[in-house]
Structures are given as C-alpha cells and as structure tokens.
Amino acid sequence: MNLISIAHAQSAAPQAGAESTLVSLLPIVVMFVILYFVMIRPQMKRQKETRAMINALTKGDEVVTTGGLVGRVTKVGDNYIQLEVADKLEVQLQRSAVSMVLPKGTIKAV
C-alpha cells in the first residue's frame, strides 16, 4: 500500500514542473525580444540605408571610401566606380568601398 501512495504523489508533480518550466523560459524569451529590437533591427536598417546610398551613386557625387580616400565620382558601373582623387588622377574602386556621400561642394581642389 505504501508504493501506491508514492506513485500517486509522483503523478501530481509533473503538472507543477511544467508550469515552472514555462515561467523559467519566459525571461529568456524576453531577452531575445529585447536583443532583436536593440541590436538586430537597427543593424538591418543601417544595412538597408547603406545599400540604398551605394545604389544611388551618380557621376559628380563626392564620396569618402572605407580606406579614407576622398574624391569625386567620374564613372559609375554595375560593380565599380571611378573616383577622381586629384587632377587627372583616377582610381577604380568597388561600389561597396564607399562609406559616405559628402554634400556637393565639400571637395574644393579636385
């Protein structure tokens, strides 16, 4: 008789355990939601803005590259741009190397 009462007591325990498991997983789920809104979503937004800026490059834009070159775009291709960094000195770069488009008139000596 003693074994039967122990078996009944054990069958009631998993119900309370399932509830406590759900409660213990809640903070982890909340942390992932916060992580998404604080880190992942803003990064995706920046990537989208950068892609739009690179796709909108046109001849005459003044840009800064990731390597620090400053110049004026003289030719735009599908994957490459030609950048005038000094008088009659042009370099060819990948479009993805452009980090920032400067306002018109920023570069005076090119």
C-alpha atoms as a PDB file:
ATOM      1  CA  MET A   1       0.000   0.000   0.000  1.00  0.00           C
ATOM      2  CA  ASN A   2       2.849   2.287   0.642  1.00  0.00           C
ATOM      3  CA  LEU A   3       4.033   2.026  -3.006  1.00  0.00           C
ATOM      4  CA  ILE A   4       0.651   3.082  -4.376  1.00  0.00           C
ATOM      5  CA  SER A   5       0.549   6.293  -2.369  1.00  0.00           C
ATOM      6  CA  ILE A   6       4.069   7.162  -3.556  1.00  0.00           C
ATOM      7  CA  ALA A   7       3.018   6.606  -7.191  1.00  0.00           C
ATOM      8  CA  HIS A   8       0.032   8.939  -6.805  1.00  0.00           C
ATOM      9  CA  ALA A   9       2.218  11.613  -5.282  1.00  0.00           C
ATOM     10  CA  GLN A  10       4.680  11.379  -8.177  1.00  0.00           C
ATOM     11  CA  SER A  11       1.999  11.718 -10.855  1.00  0.00           C
ATOM     12  CA  ALA A  12       0.899  15.104  -9.494  1.00  0.00           C
ATOM     13  CA  ALA A  13       4.422  16.586  -9.567  1.00  0.00           C
ATOM     14  CA  PRO A  14       4.870  16.960 -13.373  1.00  0.00           C
ATOM     15  CA  GLN A  15       1.971  19.411 -13.608  1.00  0.00           C
ATOM     16  CA  ALA A  16       3.685  21.828 -11.265  1.00  0.00           C
ATOM     17  CA  GLY A  17       7.009  21.197 -13.043  1.00  0.00           C
ATOM     18  CA  ALA A  18       5.559  22.101 -16.447  1.00  0.00           C
ATOM     19  CA  GLU A  19       4.314  25.399 -15.096  1.00  0.00           C
ATOM     20  CA  SER A  20       7.653  26.225 -13.511  1.00  0.00           C
ATOM     21  CA  THR A  21       9.464  25.349 -16.776  1.00  0.00           C
ATOM     22  CA  LEU A  22       7.299  27.825 -18.669  1.00  0.00           C
ATOM     23  CA  VAL A  23       7.949  30.512 -16.087  1.00  0.00           C
ATOM     24  CA  SER A  24      11.703  29.857 -16.210  1.00  0.00           C
ATOM     25  CA  LEU A  25      11.772  30.169 -20.045  1.00  0.00           C
ATOM     26  CA  LEU A  26       9.909  33.485 -20.050  1.00  0.00           C
ATOM     27  CA  PRO A  27      12.958  35.660 -19.149  1.00  0.00           C
ATOM     28  CA  ILE A  28      14.995  34.048 -21.947  1.00  0.00           C
ATOM     29  CA  VAL A  29      12.263  34.796 -24.491  1.00  0.00           C
ATOM     30  CA  VAL A  30      12.003  38.389 -23.239  1.00  0.00           C
ATOM     31  CA  MET A  31      15.785  38.798 -23.548  1.00  0.00           C
ATOM     32  CA  PHE A  32      15.700  37.629 -27.196  1.00  0.00           C
ATOM     33  CA  VAL A  33      12.899  40.078 -27.992  1.00  0.00           C
ATOM     34  CA  ILE A  34      14.863  42.939 -26.412  1.00  0.00           C
ATOM     35  CA  LEU A  35      18.021  41.830 -28.263  1.00  0.00           C
ATOM     36  CA  TYR A  36      16.122  41.929 -31.552  1.00  0.00           C
ATOM     37  CA  PHE A  37      14.824  45.470 -31.034  1.00  0.00           C
ATOM     38  CA  VAL A  38      18.068  46.864 -29.575  1.00  0.00           C
ATOM     39  CA  MET A  39      20.708  45.251 -31.817  1.00  0.00           C
ATOM     40  CA  ILE A  40      19.441  43.287 -34.804  1.00  0.00           C
ATOM     41  CA  ARG A  41      16.708  45.600 -36.124  1.00  0.00           C
ATOM     42  CA  PRO A  42      18.832  48.804 -36.105  1.00  0.00           C
ATOM     43  CA  GLN A  43      21.693  46.958 -37.823  1.00  0.00           C
ATOM     44  CA  MET A  44      19.381  45.721 -40.582  1.00  0.00           C
ATOM     45  CA  LYS A  45      18.078  49.284 -41.019  1.00  0.00           C
ATOM     46  CA  ARG A  46      21.654  50.635 -41.372  1.00  0.00           C
ATOM     47  CA  GLN A  47      22.489  47.955 -43.948  1.00  0.00           C
ATOM     48  CA  LYS A  48      19.391  48.869 -45.951  1.00  0.00           C
ATOM     49  CA  GLU A  49      20.320  52.582 -45.885  1.00  0.00           C
ATOM     50  CA  THR A  50      23.905  51.801 -46.959  1.00  0.00           C
ATOM     51  CA  ARG A  51      22.688  49.647 -49.862  1.00  0.00           C
ATOM     52  CA  ALA A  52      20.345  52.451 -50.966  1.00  0.00           C
ATOM     53  CA  MET A  53      23.190  55.016 -50.780  1.00  0.00           C
ATOM     54  CA  ILE A  54      25.524  52.823 -52.856  1.00  0.00           C
ATOM     55  CA  ASN A  55      22.830  52.131 -55.462  1.00  0.00           C
ATOM     56  CA  ALA A  56      22.075  55.871 -55.742  1.00  0.00           C
ATOM     57  CA  LEU A  57      25.672  56.878 -56.604  1.00  0.00           C
ATOM     58  CA  THR A  58      25.884  59.078 -59.701  1.00  0.00           C
ATOM     59  CA  LYS A  59      28.590  60.879 -61.622  1.00  0.00           C
ATOM     60  CA  GLY A  60      29.687  64.012 -59.774  1.00  0.00           C
ATOM     61  CA  ASP A  61      28.973  62.743 -56.251  1.00  0.00           C
ATOM     62  CA  GLU A  62      31.672  63.465 -53.697  1.00  0.00           C
ATOM     63  CA  VAL A  63      32.418  60.423 -51.546  1.00  0.00           C
ATOM     64  CA  VAL A  64      34.642  59.036 -48.810  1.00  0.00           C
ATOM     65  CA  THR A  65      35.779  55.423 -49.124  1.00  0.00           C
ATOM     66  CA  THR A  66      36.345  52.888 -46.363  1.00  0.00           C
ATOM     67  CA  GLY A  67      40.098  53.319 -46.938  1.00  0.00           C
ATOM     68  CA  GLY A  68      39.868  57.076 -46.352  1.00  0.00           C
ATOM     69  CA  LEU A  69      40.124  58.310 -49.956  1.00  0.00           C
ATOM     70  CA  VAL A  70      38.100  61.401 -50.717  1.00  0.00           C
ATOM     71  CA  GLY A  71      37.153  62.179 -54.279  1.00  0.00           C
ATOM     72  CA  ARG A  72      34.567  62.830 -56.938  1.00  0.00           C
ATOM     73  CA  VAL A  73      32.852  60.039 -58.862  1.00  0.00           C
ATOM     74  CA  THR A  74      33.640  60.289 -62.586  1.00  0.00           C
ATOM     75  CA  LYS A  75      32.253  56.999 -63.866  1.00  0.00           C
ATOM     76  CA  VAL A  76      29.681  54.577 -62.448  1.00  0.00           C
ATOM     77  CA  GLY A  77      29.468  50.924 -63.473  1.00  0.00           C
ATOM     78  CA  ASP A  78      27.497  47.970 -62.159  1.00  0.00           C
ATOM     79  CA  ASN A  79      30.127  46.861 -59.612  1.00  0.00           C
ATOM     80  CA  TYR A  80      32.827  49.537 -59.871  1.00  0.00           C
ATOM     81  CA  ILE A  81      33.134  53.301 -59.781  1.00  0.00           C
ATOM     82  CA  GLN A  82      35.921  55.559 -60.989  1.00  0.00           C
ATOM     83  CA  LEU A  83      36.977  58.151 -58.446  1.00  0.00           C
ATOM     84  CA  GLU A  84      38.986  61.292 -59.190  1.00  0.00           C
ATOM     85  CA  VAL A  85      41.185  61.923 -56.143  1.00  0.00           C
ATOM     86  CA  ALA A  86      43.386  64.654 -57.692  1.00  0.00           C
ATOM     87  CA  ASP A  87      43.721  66.455 -61.037  1.00  0.00           C
ATOM     88  CA  LYS A  88      43.919  63.773 -63.736  1.00  0.00           C
ATOM     89  CA  LEU A  89      44.394  61.028 -61.131  1.00  0.00           C
ATOM     90  CA  GLU A  90      41.593  58.499 -61.104  1.00  0.00           C
ATOM     91  CA  VAL A  91      41.277  55.212 -59.240  1.00  0.00           C
ATOM     92  CA  GLN A  92      38.831  52.394 -59.775  1.00  0.00           C
ATOM     93  CA  LEU A  93      37.007  51.085 -56.698  1.00  0.00           C
ATOM     94  CA  GLN A  94      34.259  48.666 -55.864  1.00  0.00           C
ATOM     95  CA  ARG A  95      30.966  50.382 -55.161  1.00  0.00           C
ATOM     96  CA  SER A  96      30.863  48.716 -51.750  1.00  0.00           C
ATOM     97  CA  ALA A  97      34.052  50.595 -50.759  1.00  0.00           C
ATOM     98  CA  VAL A  98      32.085  53.850 -50.497  1.00  0.00           C
ATOM     99  CA  SER A  99      31.323  54.615 -46.877  1.00  0.00           C
ATOM    100  CA  MET A 100      29.772  58.082 -47.116  1.00  0.00           C
ATOM    101  CA  VAL A 101      28.472  60.548 -49.687  1.00  0.00           C
ATOM    102  CA  LEU A 102      29.553  64.102 -48.921  1.00  0.00           C
ATOM    103  CA  PRO A 103      27.461  67.208 -49.631  1.00  0.00           C
ATOM    104  CA  LYS A 104      28.124  68.821 -53.014  1.00  0.00           C
ATOM    105  CA  GLY A 105      30.964  71.377 -52.909  1.00  0.00           C
ATOM    106  CA  THR A 106      32.797  69.752 -49.997  1.00  0.00           C
ATOM    107  CA  ILE A 107      35.859  68.983 -52.119  1.00  0.00           C
ATOM    108  CA  LYS A 108      37.420  72.168 -53.443  1.00  0.00           C
ATOM    109  CA  ALA A 109      40.744  71.098 -55.007  1.00  0.00           C
ATOM    110  CA  VAL A 110      39.658  68.248 -57.281  1.00  0.00           C
END
